[in-house]
Amino acid sequence: MDQPTSHPGQPGPEDQSVVCARCGARSPNGAPPTWTCSVENGIRQYFCVDCARANLRAIEGRLDSSWW
């Protein structure tokens, strides 16, 4: 009863790498606060700063990334 409880849902260091769904840019330490996150068809996708800025109007219009 005095043993520490493990939390299997917490990501390990190998799970923190994030890839831009548009251009393939990598962020090894998870998504920076400047990246955009979108959930499309139940799948979470991240977009780097450059891709997000280039497609800002489509993102604000809530268009799926397949449209832009």
PDB file of N, CA and C in Angstrom:
ATOM      1  N   MET A   1       0.806  -1.196   0.000  1.00  0.00           N
ATOM      2  CA  MET A   1       0.000   0.000   0.000  1.00  0.00           C
ATOM      3  C   MET A   1       0.850   1.261   0.000  1.00  0.00           C
ATOM      4  N   ASP A   2       2.104   1.167   0.446  1.00  0.00           N
ATOM      5  CA  ASP A   2       2.957   2.343   0.510  1.00  0.00           C
ATOM      6  C   ASP A   2       3.820   2.515  -0.739  1.00  0.00           C
ATOM      7  N   GLN A   3       3.533   1.742  -1.781  1.00  0.00           N
ATOM      8  CA  GLN A   3       4.314   1.849  -3.002  1.00  0.00           C
ATOM      9  C   GLN A   3       3.788   3.008  -3.847  1.00  0.00           C
ATOM     10  N   PRO A   4       4.700   3.706  -4.534  1.00  0.00           N
ATOM     11  CA  PRO A   4       4.247   4.809  -5.392  1.00  0.00           C
ATOM     12  C   PRO A   4       3.412   4.283  -6.556  1.00  0.00           C
ATOM     13  N   THR A   5       2.443   5.059  -6.937  1.00  0.00           N
ATOM     14  CA  THR A   5       1.570   4.691  -8.044  1.00  0.00           C
ATOM     15  C   THR A   5       2.186   5.158  -9.351  1.00  0.00           C
ATOM     16  N   SER A   6       2.257   4.262 -10.320  1.00  0.00           N
ATOM     17  CA  SER A   6       2.785   4.651 -11.631  1.00  0.00           C
ATOM     18  C   SER A   6       1.652   5.231 -12.463  1.00  0.00           C
ATOM     19  N   HIS A   7       2.011   6.125 -13.364  1.00  0.00           N
ATOM     20  CA  HIS A   7       1.033   6.766 -14.237  1.00  0.00           C
ATOM     21  C   HIS A   7       1.376   6.428 -15.687  1.00  0.00           C
ATOM     22  N   PRO A   8       0.810   5.360 -16.233  1.00  0.00           N
ATOM     23  CA  PRO A   8       1.179   4.934 -17.587  1.00  0.00           C
ATOM     24  C   PRO A   8       0.738   5.916 -18.665  1.00  0.00           C
ATOM     25  N   GLY A   9      -0.185   6.820 -18.371  1.00  0.00           N
ATOM     26  CA  GLY A   9      -0.667   7.755 -19.377  1.00  0.00           C
ATOM     27  C   GLY A   9       0.269   8.914 -19.648  1.00  0.00           C
ATOM     28  N   GLN A  10       1.289   9.094 -18.810  1.00  0.00           N
ATOM     29  CA  GLN A  10       2.212  10.192 -19.013  1.00  0.00           C
ATOM     30  C   GLN A  10       3.199   9.836 -20.110  1.00  0.00           C
ATOM     31  N   PRO A  11       3.420  10.751 -21.065  1.00  0.00           N
ATOM     32  CA  PRO A  11       4.340  10.442 -22.158  1.00  0.00           C
ATOM     33  C   PRO A  11       5.782  10.405 -21.684  1.00  0.00           C
ATOM     34  N   GLY A  12       6.541   9.512 -22.262  1.00  0.00           N
ATOM     35  CA  GLY A  12       7.962   9.436 -21.984  1.00  0.00           C
ATOM     36  C   GLY A  12       8.718  10.374 -22.915  1.00  0.00           C
ATOM     37  N   PRO A  13      10.027  10.458 -22.781  1.00  0.00           N
ATOM     38  CA  PRO A  13      10.808  11.358 -23.630  1.00  0.00           C
ATOM     39  C   PRO A  13      10.689  11.036 -25.111  1.00  0.00           C
ATOM     40  N   GLU A  14      10.515   9.762 -25.442  1.00  0.00           N
ATOM     41  CA  GLU A  14      10.416   9.394 -26.853  1.00  0.00           C
ATOM     42  C   GLU A  14       9.067   9.761 -27.458  1.00  0.00           C
ATOM     43  N   ASP A  15       8.078  10.088 -26.652  1.00  0.00           N
ATOM     44  CA  ASP A  15       6.742  10.414 -27.143  1.00  0.00           C
ATOM     45  C   ASP A  15       6.537  11.910 -27.357  1.00  0.00           C
ATOM     46  N   GLN A  16       7.531  12.749 -27.101  1.00  0.00           N
ATOM     47  CA  GLN A  16       7.335  14.185 -27.129  1.00  0.00           C
ATOM     48  C   GLN A  16       7.613  14.814 -28.482  1.00  0.00           C
ATOM     49  N   SER A  17       8.159  14.110 -29.428  1.00  0.00           N
ATOM     50  CA  SER A  17       8.454  14.666 -30.736  1.00  0.00           C
ATOM     51  C   SER A  17       7.155  14.928 -31.499  1.00  0.00           C
ATOM     52  N   VAL A  18       7.072  16.112 -32.109  1.00  0.00           N
ATOM     53  CA  VAL A  18       5.886  16.502 -32.863  1.00  0.00           C
ATOM     54  C   VAL A  18       6.319  16.870 -34.279  1.00  0.00           C
ATOM     55  N   VAL A  19       5.529  16.460 -35.273  1.00  0.00           N
ATOM     56  CA  VAL A  19       5.835  16.726 -36.675  1.00  0.00           C
ATOM     57  C   VAL A  19       4.713  17.554 -37.275  1.00  0.00           C
ATOM     58  N   CYS A  20       5.070  18.586 -38.050  1.00  0.00           N
ATOM     59  CA  CYS A  20       4.073  19.409 -38.737  1.00  0.00           C
ATOM     60  C   CYS A  20       3.369  18.550 -39.782  1.00  0.00           C
ATOM     61  N   ALA A  21       2.045  18.548 -39.768  1.00  0.00           N
ATOM     62  CA  ALA A  21       1.268  17.729 -40.695  1.00  0.00           C
ATOM     63  C   ALA A  21       1.328  18.269 -42.120  1.00  0.00           C
ATOM     64  N   ARG A  22       1.780  19.492 -42.296  1.00  0.00           N
ATOM     65  CA  ARG A  22       1.816  20.117 -43.621  1.00  0.00           C
ATOM     66  C   ARG A  22       3.186  19.983 -44.291  1.00  0.00           C
ATOM     67  N   CYS A  23       4.245  20.392 -43.592  1.00  0.00           N
ATOM     68  CA  CYS A  23       5.568  20.436 -44.226  1.00  0.00           C
ATOM     69  C   CYS A  23       6.546  19.407 -43.678  1.00  0.00           C
ATOM     70  N   GLY A  24       6.233  18.785 -42.538  1.00  0.00           N
ATOM     71  CA  GLY A  24       7.101  17.769 -41.970  1.00  0.00           C
ATOM     72  C   GLY A  24       8.158  18.303 -41.020  1.00  0.00           C
ATOM     73  N   ALA A  25       8.100  19.601 -40.679  1.00  0.00           N
ATOM     74  CA  ALA A  25       9.057  20.157 -39.715  1.00  0.00           C
ATOM     75  C   ALA A  25       8.900  19.434 -38.384  1.00  0.00           C
ATOM     76  N   ARG A  26      10.032  19.241 -37.694  1.00  0.00           N
ATOM     77  CA  ARG A  26      10.017  18.509 -36.422  1.00  0.00           C
ATOM     78  C   ARG A  26      10.280  19.434 -35.250  1.00  0.00           C
ATOM     79  N   SER A  27       9.631  19.121 -34.132  1.00  0.00           N
ATOM     80  CA  SER A  27       9.914  19.769 -32.865  1.00  0.00           C
ATOM     81  C   SER A  27      10.180  18.654 -31.861  1.00  0.00           C
ATOM     82  N   PRO A  28      11.424  18.453 -31.458  1.00  0.00           N
ATOM     83  CA  PRO A  28      11.769  17.311 -30.618  1.00  0.00           C
ATOM     84  C   PRO A  28      11.222  17.369 -29.195  1.00  0.00           C
ATOM     85  N   ASN A  29      10.878  18.543 -28.703  1.00  0.00           N
ATOM     86  CA  ASN A  29      10.431  18.672 -27.314  1.00  0.00           C
ATOM     87  C   ASN A  29       8.949  18.968 -27.199  1.00  0.00           C
ATOM     88  N   GLY A  30       8.137  18.411 -28.062  1.00  0.00           N
ATOM     89  CA  GLY A  30       6.707  18.679 -28.026  1.00  0.00           C
ATOM     90  C   GLY A  30       6.374  19.916 -28.847  1.00  0.00           C
ATOM     91  N   ALA A  31       5.099  20.202 -28.966  1.00  0.00           N
ATOM     92  CA  ALA A  31       4.665  21.343 -29.769  1.00  0.00           C
ATOM     93  C   ALA A  31       4.930  22.646 -29.026  1.00  0.00           C
ATOM     94  N   PRO A  32       5.685  23.561 -29.639  1.00  0.00           N
ATOM     95  CA  PRO A  32       5.896  24.869 -29.018  1.00  0.00           C
ATOM     96  C   PRO A  32       4.573  25.628 -28.943  1.00  0.00           C
ATOM     97  N   PRO A  33       4.473  26.619 -28.073  1.00  0.00           N
ATOM     98  CA  PRO A  33       3.216  27.370 -27.951  1.00  0.00           C
ATOM     99  C   PRO A  33       2.837  28.122 -29.221  1.00  0.00           C
ATOM    100  N   THR A  34       3.779  28.296 -30.139  1.00  0.00           N
ATOM    101  CA  THR A  34       3.476  29.015 -31.374  1.00  0.00           C
ATOM    102  C   THR A  34       2.898  28.113 -32.463  1.00  0.00           C
ATOM    103  N   TRP A  35       2.914  26.804 -32.267  1.00  0.00           N
ATOM    104  CA  TRP A  35       2.339  25.882 -33.242  1.00  0.00           C
ATOM    105  C   TRP A  35       0.827  25.815 -33.064  1.00  0.00           C
ATOM    106  N   THR A  36       0.120  25.432 -34.119  1.00  0.00           N
ATOM    107  CA  THR A  36      -1.333  25.313 -34.095  1.00  0.00           C
ATOM    108  C   THR A  36      -1.712  23.844 -34.031  1.00  0.00           C
ATOM    109  N   CYS A  37      -2.711  23.539 -33.229  1.00  0.00           N
ATOM    110  CA  CYS A  37      -3.214  22.173 -33.108  1.00  0.00           C
ATOM    111  C   CYS A  37      -4.622  22.124 -33.682  1.00  0.00           C
ATOM    112  N   SER A  38      -4.905  21.101 -34.461  1.00  0.00           N
ATOM    113  CA  SER A  38      -6.219  20.937 -35.068  1.00  0.00           C
ATOM    114  C   SER A  38      -6.641  19.479 -34.938  1.00  0.00           C
ATOM    115  N   VAL A  39      -7.912  19.248 -34.649  1.00  0.00           N
ATOM    116  CA  VAL A  39      -8.446  17.891 -34.606  1.00  0.00           C
ATOM    117  C   VAL A  39      -9.356  17.722 -35.818  1.00  0.00           C
ATOM    118  N   GLU A  40      -8.943  16.851 -36.720  1.00  0.00           N
ATOM    119  CA  GLU A  40      -9.689  16.610 -37.950  1.00  0.00           C
ATOM    120  C   GLU A  40      -9.999  15.122 -38.052  1.00  0.00           C
ATOM    121  N   ASN A  41     -11.261  14.792 -38.169  1.00  0.00           N
ATOM    122  CA  ASN A  41     -11.698  13.395 -38.244  1.00  0.00           C
ATOM    123  C   ASN A  41     -11.195  12.587 -37.062  1.00  0.00           C
ATOM    124  N   GLY A  42     -11.155  13.211 -35.892  1.00  0.00           N
ATOM    125  CA  GLY A  42     -10.737  12.530 -34.680  1.00  0.00           C
ATOM    126  C   GLY A  42      -9.234  12.374 -34.524  1.00  0.00           C
ATOM    127  N   ILE A  43      -8.453  12.968 -35.408  1.00  0.00           N
ATOM    128  CA  ILE A  43      -6.993  12.853 -35.362  1.00  0.00           C
ATOM    129  C   ILE A  43      -6.399  14.219 -35.062  1.00  0.00           C
ATOM    130  N   ARG A  44      -5.547  14.290 -34.047  1.00  0.00           N
ATOM    131  CA  ARG A  44      -4.896  15.548 -33.688  1.00  0.00           C
ATOM    132  C   ARG A  44      -3.725  15.795 -34.620  1.00  0.00           C
ATOM    133  N   GLN A  45      -3.695  16.983 -35.231  1.00  0.00           N
ATOM    134  CA  GLN A  45      -2.620  17.357 -36.137  1.00  0.00           C
ATOM    135  C   GLN A  45      -2.019  18.673 -35.669  1.00  0.00           C
ATOM    136  N   TYR A  46      -0.712  18.800 -35.827  1.00  0.00           N
ATOM    137  CA  TYR A  46      -0.008  20.020 -35.456  1.00  0.00           C
ATOM    138  C   TYR A  46       0.544  20.677 -36.707  1.00  0.00           C
ATOM    139  N   PHE A  47       0.557  22.026 -36.700  1.00  0.00           N
ATOM    140  CA  PHE A  47       1.086  22.796 -37.822  1.00  0.00           C
ATOM    141  C   PHE A  47       2.093  23.804 -37.292  1.00  0.00           C
ATOM    142  N   CYS A  48       3.264  23.866 -37.935  1.00  0.00           N
ATOM    143  CA  CYS A  48       4.325  24.767 -37.501  1.00  0.00           C
ATOM    144  C   CYS A  48       3.913  26.222 -37.725  1.00  0.00           C
ATOM    145  N   VAL A  49       4.714  27.137 -37.233  1.00  0.00           N
ATOM    146  CA  VAL A  49       4.414  28.563 -37.327  1.00  0.00           C
ATOM    147  C   VAL A  49       4.274  28.998 -38.783  1.00  0.00           C
ATOM    148  N   ASP A  50       5.195  28.572 -39.637  1.00  0.00           N
ATOM    149  CA  ASP A  50       5.167  29.004 -41.033  1.00  0.00           C
ATOM    150  C   ASP A  50       3.924  28.514 -41.757  1.00  0.00           C
ATOM    151  N   CYS A  51       3.557  27.249 -41.567  1.00  0.00           N
ATOM    152  CA  CYS A  51       2.367  26.705 -42.223  1.00  0.00           C
ATOM    153  C   CYS A  51       1.092  27.340 -41.672  1.00  0.00           C
ATOM    154  N   ALA A  52       1.058  27.564 -40.376  1.00  0.00           N
ATOM    155  CA  ALA A  52      -0.114  28.183 -39.766  1.00  0.00           C
ATOM    156  C   ALA A  52      -0.295  29.612 -40.269  1.00  0.00           C
ATOM    157  N   ARG A  53       0.782  30.369 -40.366  1.00  0.00           N
ATOM    158  CA  ARG A  53       0.688  31.747 -40.859  1.00  0.00           C
ATOM    159  C   ARG A  53       0.274  31.798 -42.316  1.00  0.00           C
ATOM    160  N   ALA A  54       0.794  30.884 -43.114  1.00  0.00           N
ATOM    161  CA  ALA A  54       0.463  30.872 -44.540  1.00  0.00           C
ATOM    162  C   ALA A  54      -0.998  30.510 -44.792  1.00  0.00           C
ATOM    163  N   ASN A  55      -1.629  29.818 -43.860  1.00  0.00           N
ATOM    164  CA  ASN A  55      -3.000  29.353 -44.052  1.00  0.00           C
ATOM    165  C   ASN A  55      -3.939  29.856 -42.958  1.00  0.00           C
ATOM    166  N   LEU A  56      -3.640  31.021 -42.404  1.00  0.00           N
ATOM    167  CA  LEU A  56      -4.387  31.560 -41.281  1.00  0.00           C
ATOM    168  C   LEU A  56      -5.876  31.719 -41.574  1.00  0.00           C
ATOM    169  N   ARG A  57      -6.233  32.235 -42.742  1.00  0.00           N
ATOM    170  CA  ARG A  57      -7.648  32.456 -43.066  1.00  0.00           C
ATOM    171  C   ARG A  57      -8.414  31.134 -43.145  1.00  0.00           C
ATOM    172  N   ALA A  58      -7.805  30.113 -43.706  1.00  0.00           N
ATOM    173  CA  ALA A  58      -8.459  28.807 -43.790  1.00  0.00           C
ATOM    174  C   ALA A  58      -8.613  28.183 -42.404  1.00  0.00           C
ATOM    175  N   ILE A  59      -7.626  28.382 -41.548  1.00  0.00           N
ATOM    176  CA  ILE A  59      -7.694  27.847 -40.186  1.00  0.00           C
ATOM    177  C   ILE A  59      -8.795  28.544 -39.410  1.00  0.00           C
ATOM    178  N   GLU A  60      -8.851  29.885 -39.510  1.00  0.00           N
ATOM    179  CA  GLU A  60      -9.901  30.632 -38.809  1.00  0.00           C
ATOM    180  C   GLU A  60     -11.286  30.304 -39.359  1.00  0.00           C
ATOM    181  N   GLY A  61     -11.363  29.949 -40.643  1.00  0.00           N
ATOM    182  CA  GLY A  61     -12.630  29.550 -41.238  1.00  0.00           C
ATOM    183  C   GLY A  61     -12.999  28.107 -40.937  1.00  0.00           C
ATOM    184  N   ARG A  62     -12.148  27.445 -40.149  1.00  0.00           N
ATOM    185  CA  ARG A  62     -12.358  26.062 -39.720  1.00  0.00           C
ATOM    186  C   ARG A  62     -12.435  25.073 -40.893  1.00  0.00           C
ATOM    187  N   LEU A  63     -11.673  25.350 -41.949  1.00  0.00           N
ATOM    188  CA  LEU A  63     -11.597  24.421 -43.067  1.00  0.00           C
ATOM    189  C   LEU A  63     -10.596  23.318 -42.722  1.00  0.00           C
ATOM    190  N   ASP A  64     -10.882  22.102 -43.106  1.00  0.00           N
ATOM    191  CA  ASP A  64      -9.938  21.003 -42.913  1.00  0.00           C
ATOM    192  C   ASP A  64      -8.677  21.287 -43.710  1.00  0.00           C
ATOM    193  N   SER A  65      -7.561  20.783 -43.241  1.00  0.00           N
ATOM    194  CA  SER A  65      -6.285  21.033 -43.905  1.00  0.00           C
ATOM    195  C   SER A  65      -6.254  20.468 -45.328  1.00  0.00           C
ATOM    196  N   SER A  66      -7.098  19.518 -45.648  1.00  0.00           N
ATOM    197  CA  SER A  66      -7.140  18.995 -47.012  1.00  0.00           C
ATOM    198  C   SER A  66      -7.619  20.060 -48.005  1.00  0.00           C
ATOM    199  N   TRP A  67      -8.316  21.081 -47.539  1.00  0.00           N
ATOM    200  CA  TRP A  67      -8.785  22.172 -48.404  1.00  0.00           C
ATOM    201  C   TRP A  67      -7.689  23.178 -48.682  1.00  0.00           C
ATOM    202  N   TRP A  68      -6.681  23.271 -47.835  1.00  0.00           N
ATOM    203  CA  TRP A  68      -5.624  24.226 -48.050  1.00  0.00           C
ATOM    204  C   TRP A  68      -4.328  23.523 -48.222  1.00  0.00           C
TER     205      TRP A  68
END
